[in-house]
Each structure stands twice: as C-alpha cells, then as structure tokens.
Amino acid sequence: MRDRPDDFDEGLLRPALGEWEIEAATLDYAPVGFGDFHWVAADRGGRRWFVTVADVRRRTFDGLRLAMETAAALREEAGLDFVVAPLRAADGTTLRRLDRHRYAMSVFPYEDGIPGHFGDELPAGERALIIDLLAELHATPPPLPTPGRPVELTGRAGLEQALRDTSLSWLGGPYAGPAQELIADHAGVLRRGLEEFDRLAGRPGEPVVTHGEPHPGNLLRAPGGRRLLLDWDTVGMAVPERDLWLVAGTDDDLARYAEATGRKPDPGALALYRLRWALDDVAEFVAWFRGPHGATPDADQAWQGLTGTLRELAKLSSS
C-alpha cells in the first residue's frame, strides 16, 4: 500500500522482529503493492529483510498462516527455489500476531532484482519462463498445510447488494458518489458477468498447487537470469487455469504448458478465472468506496482499478 496504516503502531515492529532474531538498525516503510503494508528492515551490518504486515480482518489469520506455511514448505521441502517464502521465527512459525484482532506480521528474505508491475505485457520469452515455473509448481505434490481454493466470489453479497439497492447513497468519501454512478451505469454488464460466472463455475478438473496471482507484479527478475515469484498469500489447491490465464497470452503459451505437463488447458476454465478476477476486483472496490475513505494515493489507485476493470468487463460482455 502507498498509504501508511494510520491506526497501526509501528513501534510494535522492532520487538516482533526479535522473534526472528533480527535487531533492526533501520526500518523504512516501502510503499509497494496493494493490500498489505511493507517495511524494509536492516541490521547494523547491512543485511536486509522484507517485512509484511497484513490486516487479518480482510482474511482470516488461520487462512493466511496456512498460506505462509505452504510457501515455506514448497521452498524447504519441495526445493522450489523460485518461491520467495517467509522465514521462520525462532519458534518455527511463519506468521505472528502483532495485536489481538487486526494485524499480523511475516518476514521474508530481501531479494535483489528488478520487480515487475501489474498490467505489464511480458514478451514471449518471459512468458515461457513463467509457464515453465508454473508447470513445475503444478507438478509438485501438495504439502500438508496447502489450503483449498474453491471457485467463489469473495465479495459477491456486497456487490449484489450494491446492484440491488441503487437508491441508497454511498457516503464513504470523495469517490463514493462517482463510484456509485459508475456501478449503476454498468449494472447490466455486472449482472451478465455474474450469470456467466455461475454458468462456468463447477467445471470438472484435477486440482494442483497453484500460486493464485502469478502476474508481472509478483515477478522478480533476479541476478543471473533467475525468475522469482513473490506474494504467496493466495497459494492453494485449484485447477491450473487459476494461474495460467494470468500468464498465457497465446496458443503457443498454452501448448508449451501442455507439452511440459501432459495436461491441455481448458478454455472454459481460463474464461472462468478471468471473469472471477474481474468480478472479485469490482466487489472489493465497491466495498472500499462504500466505506470511509479519503482522497489518498491508494484510493486513487482503487478508482483507476475500478474504471479499468469495468471497461474490461464491458468488452468481455460484448464479445
């Protein structure tokens, strides 16, 4: 997130880092990503770590803990060196509560490299590298803590309420009125999207270990030509298309995956996960703008995300 969490006591971080036997000489906020909060910690010798603080009201602590344990097991037990996994604290855990109800922290190795950005268009050679990583991940036996990732829309109830209760004003902040008007203008597109989602959901398929969000924003180009995958919060069991739709741009990409795995991607499942991503994003942005918010960089990014996603949904609806 670009905005620092104004209700979070950053004084909690240094004592918590002691659980990882890290004595931070510096602790700098890193305005990156969208959803969690990040800091870069460094000790007096110059060694660095990447510290992530998650709001576990948005997703359960136990669910996030399972994801972190799965990522750690993929790195430690399965030997997948492209997995940037959380480090274990002295007691072996990968996620620690910072308070009783809201915030939890994980610590990652600081990796040098060039990060990507969500929405980047990867060249064919780069896509091929990521598809090869996904083929290896999908062929890996799932570690015991791997959670299931059923096909569902997390914020569906809130989105349907917004489509149904159009006379109630949104009073959350400066983007509330424009967002409500935008949703009303795209009500037909969103209803058709929900109907299409229901039609496509429930397709058969054998689940594998999936990353969940292997887009360019979670890709790090590391020294030596290595490619690393970041942000394993959504790792879990699902059909391969959950990952593939975000990477494969051509039939050649899909053929490469099929040759590596012996499994031909299902066009219907690819369409399902593409649609699910868009509808989930809209639902999250609706919840954002119906609630309290200000004119901040994160709110502006959310507005850009909402308008762009609705444009994409309109294209899918008309195709």
Protein backbone atom coordinates (compact mmCIF):
# COMPACT_ATOMS: atom_id res chain seq x y z
CA MET A 1 0.00 0.00 0.00
CA ARG A 2 1.13 3.55 -0.70
CA ASP A 3 -0.66 4.94 2.38
CA ARG A 4 0.84 4.08 5.73
CA PRO A 5 -1.66 2.47 8.12
CA ASP A 6 -2.67 5.42 10.29
CA ASP A 7 -4.11 3.22 13.03
CA PHE A 8 -1.10 0.92 13.35
CA ASP A 9 1.60 1.34 15.98
CA GLU A 10 4.88 0.90 14.10
CA GLY A 11 6.60 0.61 17.47
CA LEU A 12 5.36 -3.00 17.54
CA LEU A 13 7.65 -3.99 14.67
CA ARG A 14 11.10 -3.90 16.26
CA PRO A 15 10.19 -6.06 19.28
CA ALA A 16 8.39 -8.51 16.97
CA LEU A 17 11.45 -8.77 14.73
CA GLY A 18 13.28 -10.08 17.77
CA GLU A 19 11.24 -13.28 17.33
CA TRP A 20 13.25 -13.75 14.13
CA GLU A 21 16.45 -12.79 15.99
CA ILE A 22 16.64 -9.60 13.92
CA GLU A 23 17.90 -6.42 15.55
CA ALA A 24 16.80 -3.69 13.17
CA ALA A 25 19.01 -0.63 12.98
CA THR A 26 16.72 0.91 10.36
CA LEU A 27 13.11 0.23 9.46
CA ASP A 28 11.82 2.03 6.36
CA TYR A 29 8.28 1.95 5.03
CA ALA A 30 8.04 0.54 1.48
CA PRO A 31 5.04 1.97 -0.45
CA VAL A 32 4.55 -1.03 -2.74
CA GLY A 33 1.77 -3.49 -3.52
CA PHE A 34 -1.94 -3.23 -2.87
CA GLY A 35 -3.49 -4.83 0.18
CA ASP A 36 -0.70 -5.34 2.73
CA PHE A 37 1.82 -2.96 4.32
CA HIS A 38 5.56 -3.39 3.93
CA TRP A 39 8.82 -2.27 5.54
CA VAL A 40 12.48 -2.94 4.79
CA ALA A 41 14.48 -3.76 7.92
CA ALA A 42 18.28 -3.64 8.04
CA ASP A 43 20.72 -4.50 10.79
CA ARG A 44 23.99 -2.68 11.54
CA GLY A 45 25.88 -4.99 9.22
CA GLY A 46 23.68 -4.02 6.27
CA ARG A 47 21.72 -7.26 5.99
CA ARG A 48 18.13 -6.59 4.93
CA TRP A 49 14.72 -8.23 5.31
CA PHE A 50 11.32 -7.55 3.80
CA VAL A 51 8.63 -7.22 6.47
CA THR A 52 4.93 -7.61 5.62
CA VAL A 53 2.04 -6.64 7.87
CA ALA A 54 -1.39 -7.96 6.92
CA ASP A 55 -4.81 -6.86 8.10
CA VAL A 56 -6.36 -10.16 9.18
CA ARG A 57 -9.84 -8.70 9.26
CA ARG A 58 -9.76 -8.90 5.44
CA ARG A 59 -8.76 -12.58 5.52
CA THR A 60 -8.53 -14.86 8.49
CA PHE A 61 -5.33 -15.28 10.45
CA ASP A 62 -5.55 -19.06 10.15
CA GLY A 63 -6.07 -18.87 6.39
CA LEU A 64 -3.04 -16.63 5.94
CA ARG A 65 -0.99 -18.82 8.27
CA LEU A 66 -1.75 -21.88 6.13
CA ALA A 67 -0.68 -19.99 3.01
CA MET A 68 2.60 -18.92 4.61
CA GLU A 69 3.28 -22.44 5.87
CA THR A 70 2.58 -23.82 2.39
CA ALA A 71 5.00 -21.39 0.75
CA ALA A 72 7.67 -22.26 3.30
CA ALA A 73 7.16 -25.98 2.69
CA LEU A 74 7.36 -25.52 -1.09
CA ARG A 75 10.74 -23.87 -0.62
CA GLU A 76 12.13 -26.03 2.19
CA GLU A 77 10.70 -29.46 1.42
CA ALA A 78 9.90 -29.45 -2.29
CA GLY A 79 13.03 -27.44 -3.16
CA LEU A 80 11.30 -24.88 -5.38
CA ASP A 81 13.95 -22.17 -5.35
CA PHE A 82 11.75 -19.68 -7.24
CA VAL A 83 9.42 -19.46 -4.24
CA VAL A 84 10.16 -16.38 -2.13
CA ALA A 85 8.90 -17.88 1.11
CA PRO A 86 8.56 -16.42 4.60
CA LEU A 87 11.33 -17.05 7.07
CA ARG A 88 10.60 -18.99 10.22
CA ALA A 89 10.78 -17.30 13.59
CA ALA A 90 12.75 -18.88 16.41
CA ASP A 91 9.72 -20.99 17.36
CA GLY A 92 9.24 -22.25 13.78
CA THR A 93 6.23 -20.12 12.89
CA THR A 94 5.93 -18.01 9.73
CA LEU A 95 3.19 -15.59 10.85
CA ARG A 96 2.93 -13.76 14.17
CA ARG A 97 0.14 -11.64 15.58
CA LEU A 98 1.05 -8.04 16.39
CA ASP A 99 -2.15 -7.35 18.31
CA ARG A 100 -5.19 -9.30 19.42
CA HIS A 101 -7.53 -8.70 16.49
CA ARG A 102 -6.18 -6.97 13.42
CA TYR A 103 -2.53 -7.11 12.35
CA ALA A 104 -0.10 -9.98 11.76
CA MET A 105 3.48 -9.99 10.51
CA SER A 106 5.68 -12.19 8.37
CA VAL A 107 9.33 -11.71 7.42
CA PHE A 108 10.93 -12.53 4.07
CA PRO A 109 14.48 -12.53 2.77
CA TYR A 110 15.29 -9.34 0.90
CA GLU A 111 15.89 -10.34 -2.73
CA ASP A 112 17.79 -8.14 -5.13
CA GLY A 113 16.31 -7.80 -8.58
CA ILE A 114 14.00 -5.87 -10.87
CA PRO A 115 10.32 -6.10 -9.90
CA GLY A 116 7.52 -6.18 -12.43
CA HIS A 117 4.28 -4.24 -12.33
CA PHE A 118 0.70 -5.40 -12.57
CA GLY A 119 -0.50 -4.88 -16.13
CA ASP A 120 2.93 -5.21 -17.73
CA GLU A 121 2.87 -7.06 -21.05
CA LEU A 122 5.53 -9.74 -20.93
CA PRO A 123 7.38 -10.74 -24.10
CA ALA A 124 7.03 -14.31 -25.33
CA GLY A 125 10.36 -15.42 -23.87
CA GLU A 126 9.46 -14.09 -20.44
CA ARG A 127 6.06 -15.77 -20.53
CA ALA A 128 7.76 -19.04 -21.42
CA LEU A 129 9.97 -18.81 -18.34
CA ILE A 130 6.98 -18.24 -16.06
CA ILE A 131 4.97 -21.03 -17.68
CA ASP A 132 7.88 -23.38 -17.01
CA LEU A 133 7.87 -22.34 -13.33
CA LEU A 134 4.12 -22.90 -13.13
CA ALA A 135 4.45 -26.32 -14.76
CA GLU A 136 6.99 -27.25 -12.07
CA LEU A 137 4.78 -25.87 -9.30
CA HIS A 138 1.68 -27.66 -10.60
CA ALA A 139 3.56 -30.97 -10.73
CA THR A 140 4.68 -30.65 -7.08
CA PRO A 141 2.84 -32.82 -4.55
CA PRO A 142 0.92 -30.51 -2.22
CA PRO A 143 2.47 -30.02 1.23
CA LEU A 144 0.17 -30.93 4.11
CA PRO A 145 -0.84 -27.35 5.02
CA THR A 146 -1.95 -26.43 1.45
CA PRO A 147 -5.43 -24.86 1.65
CA GLY A 148 -8.18 -25.43 -0.89
CA ARG A 149 -9.18 -22.53 -3.14
CA PRO A 150 -12.79 -23.11 -4.24
CA VAL A 151 -14.17 -21.08 -7.12
CA GLU A 152 -16.22 -18.43 -5.38
CA LEU A 153 -16.61 -14.66 -5.38
CA THR A 154 -15.45 -13.39 -2.01
CA GLY A 155 -17.40 -10.13 -2.07
CA ARG A 156 -20.42 -11.30 -4.05
CA ALA A 157 -23.00 -10.44 -1.39
CA GLY A 158 -21.81 -6.84 -1.17
CA LEU A 159 -21.71 -6.45 -4.95
CA GLU A 160 -25.22 -7.85 -5.37
CA GLN A 161 -26.48 -5.53 -2.63
CA ALA A 162 -24.96 -2.54 -4.42
CA LEU A 163 -26.70 -3.58 -7.64
CA ARG A 164 -29.98 -4.15 -5.86
CA ASP A 165 -30.13 -1.12 -3.51
CA THR A 166 -29.44 1.63 -6.04
CA SER A 167 -31.44 4.29 -4.18
CA LEU A 168 -29.19 4.24 -1.09
CA SER A 169 -26.47 6.89 -1.28
CA TRP A 170 -22.85 5.92 -0.73
CA LEU A 171 -21.36 8.28 1.82
CA GLY A 172 -17.92 6.82 2.37
CA GLY A 173 -15.78 9.60 0.93
CA PRO A 174 -14.86 11.59 -2.20
CA TYR A 175 -15.09 8.63 -4.59
CA ALA A 176 -18.38 7.30 -3.20
CA GLY A 177 -20.75 9.22 -5.47
CA PRO A 178 -18.76 8.73 -8.71
CA ALA A 179 -18.29 5.03 -7.91
CA GLN A 180 -21.99 4.51 -7.24
CA GLU A 181 -22.86 6.18 -10.54
CA LEU A 182 -20.29 4.09 -12.37
CA ILE A 183 -21.68 0.86 -10.90
CA ALA A 184 -25.22 1.90 -11.86
CA ASP A 185 -24.08 2.59 -15.43
CA HIS A 186 -22.53 -0.89 -15.62
CA ALA A 187 -25.28 -2.75 -13.74
CA GLY A 188 -26.28 -4.76 -16.81
CA VAL A 189 -22.67 -5.71 -17.53
CA LEU A 190 -22.15 -6.84 -13.94
CA ARG A 191 -25.37 -8.88 -13.80
CA ARG A 192 -24.46 -10.62 -17.05
CA GLY A 193 -20.99 -11.25 -15.64
CA LEU A 194 -22.45 -12.90 -12.54
CA GLU A 195 -24.73 -15.07 -14.69
CA GLU A 196 -21.81 -16.13 -16.87
CA PHE A 197 -19.72 -16.88 -13.79
CA ASP A 198 -22.45 -19.19 -12.47
CA ARG A 199 -22.68 -20.89 -15.86
CA LEU A 200 -18.95 -21.58 -15.99
CA ALA A 201 -18.47 -22.48 -12.32
CA GLY A 202 -18.38 -26.11 -11.33
CA ARG A 203 -16.34 -27.28 -14.32
CA PRO A 204 -14.54 -30.55 -13.55
CA GLY A 205 -10.80 -30.56 -13.18
CA GLU A 206 -7.99 -32.07 -11.14
CA PRO A 207 -6.64 -29.59 -8.57
CA VAL A 208 -2.93 -28.84 -8.27
CA VAL A 209 -0.86 -26.47 -6.15
CA THR A 210 -1.45 -23.00 -7.62
CA HIS A 211 0.09 -19.62 -6.82
CA GLY A 212 -3.13 -17.72 -7.43
CA GLU A 213 -1.69 -14.41 -8.64
CA PRO A 214 1.38 -15.02 -10.86
CA HIS A 215 1.02 -11.69 -12.67
CA PRO A 216 4.04 -9.48 -13.52
CA GLY A 217 3.62 -7.51 -10.29
CA ASN A 218 4.57 -10.66 -8.37
CA LEU A 219 7.55 -11.44 -10.58
CA LEU A 220 11.13 -10.51 -9.67
CA ARG A 221 13.91 -10.63 -12.25
CA ALA A 222 16.83 -11.67 -10.08
CA PRO A 223 20.56 -11.63 -10.95
CA GLY A 224 21.80 -14.50 -13.08
CA GLY A 225 18.60 -14.71 -15.12
CA ARG A 226 16.56 -16.23 -12.31
CA ARG A 227 12.85 -15.50 -12.05
CA LEU A 228 11.28 -15.46 -8.59
CA LEU A 229 7.60 -15.50 -7.67
CA LEU A 230 6.54 -13.27 -4.77
CA ASP A 231 3.37 -12.93 -2.70
CA TRP A 232 2.14 -16.44 -1.90
CA ASP A 233 -0.83 -15.26 0.19
CA THR A 234 -3.28 -16.93 -2.21
CA VAL A 235 -1.42 -20.23 -2.75
CA GLY A 236 -3.75 -23.21 -2.72
CA MET A 237 -5.31 -26.17 -4.46
CA ALA A 238 -7.23 -25.38 -7.64
CA VAL A 239 -7.21 -26.24 -11.34
CA PRO A 240 -4.12 -24.99 -13.25
CA GLU A 241 -6.16 -22.42 -15.16
CA ARG A 242 -6.33 -20.37 -11.97
CA ASP A 243 -2.71 -19.43 -12.70
CA LEU A 244 -2.50 -19.85 -16.46
CA TRP A 245 -4.99 -17.18 -17.51
CA LEU A 246 -2.73 -14.53 -15.96
CA VAL A 247 0.35 -15.63 -17.91
CA ALA A 248 -0.59 -17.35 -21.16
CA GLY A 249 -1.13 -14.80 -23.91
CA THR A 250 -1.12 -17.03 -26.98
CA ASP A 251 -1.96 -20.56 -28.10
CA ASP A 252 1.79 -21.22 -28.17
CA ASP A 253 1.98 -20.46 -24.45
CA LEU A 254 -0.80 -22.94 -23.72
CA ALA A 255 0.84 -25.53 -25.97
CA ARG A 256 4.12 -25.10 -24.07
CA TYR A 257 2.32 -25.79 -20.79
CA ALA A 258 0.55 -28.82 -22.27
CA GLU A 259 3.84 -30.25 -23.55
CA ALA A 260 5.50 -29.76 -20.15
CA THR A 261 2.68 -31.27 -18.12
CA GLY A 262 0.68 -33.50 -20.44
CA ARG A 263 -2.40 -31.52 -19.49
CA LYS A 264 -4.22 -29.39 -22.05
CA PRO A 265 -5.65 -26.19 -20.55
CA ASP A 266 -9.45 -25.87 -20.63
CA PRO A 267 -10.64 -22.70 -22.44
CA GLY A 268 -13.79 -22.59 -20.32
CA ALA A 269 -11.79 -22.70 -17.09
CA LEU A 270 -9.49 -19.96 -18.37
CA ALA A 271 -12.54 -17.80 -19.08
CA LEU A 272 -13.98 -18.60 -15.65
CA TYR A 273 -10.90 -17.43 -13.76
CA ARG A 274 -10.51 -14.33 -15.93
CA LEU A 275 -14.10 -13.39 -15.12
CA ARG A 276 -13.72 -14.28 -11.45
CA TRP A 277 -10.72 -11.97 -11.10
CA ALA A 278 -12.60 -9.04 -12.59
CA LEU A 279 -15.75 -9.55 -10.53
CA ASP A 280 -13.75 -10.00 -7.32
CA ASP A 281 -11.89 -6.77 -8.03
CA VAL A 282 -15.12 -4.86 -8.62
CA ALA A 283 -16.59 -6.24 -5.40
CA GLU A 284 -13.50 -5.16 -3.43
CA PHE A 285 -13.56 -1.66 -4.94
CA VAL A 286 -17.28 -1.34 -4.18
CA ALA A 287 -16.64 -2.22 -0.53
CA TRP A 288 -13.79 0.31 -0.49
CA PHE A 289 -15.83 3.21 -1.84
CA ARG A 290 -18.95 2.46 0.19
CA GLY A 291 -16.84 2.64 3.35
CA PRO A 292 -14.88 5.51 4.86
CA HIS A 293 -12.03 6.67 2.62
CA GLY A 294 -10.14 9.82 1.75
CA ALA A 295 -8.50 11.33 -1.31
CA THR A 296 -5.31 9.28 -0.94
CA PRO A 297 -2.93 7.63 -3.42
CA ASP A 298 -4.41 4.22 -2.58
CA ALA A 299 -7.96 5.47 -3.13
CA ASP A 300 -6.90 6.94 -6.46
CA GLN A 301 -5.33 3.63 -7.44
CA ALA A 302 -8.55 1.84 -6.44
CA TRP A 303 -10.57 4.25 -8.60
CA GLN A 304 -8.31 3.61 -11.58
CA GLY A 305 -8.66 -0.11 -10.93
CA LEU A 306 -12.46 0.08 -10.80
CA THR A 307 -12.81 2.06 -14.03
CA GLY A 308 -10.33 -0.15 -15.87
CA THR A 309 -11.92 -3.39 -14.66
CA LEU A 310 -15.40 -2.27 -15.68
CA ARG A 311 -14.09 -1.43 -19.16
CA GLU A 312 -12.65 -4.93 -19.43
CA LEU A 313 -15.91 -6.50 -18.23
CA ALA A 314 -17.85 -4.50 -20.82
CA LYS A 315 -15.52 -5.87 -23.54
CA LEU A 316 -15.99 -9.44 -22.29
CA SER A 317 -19.76 -8.93 -22.16
CA SER A 318 -19.92 -7.73 -25.76
CA SER A 319 -17.60 -10.41 -27.18
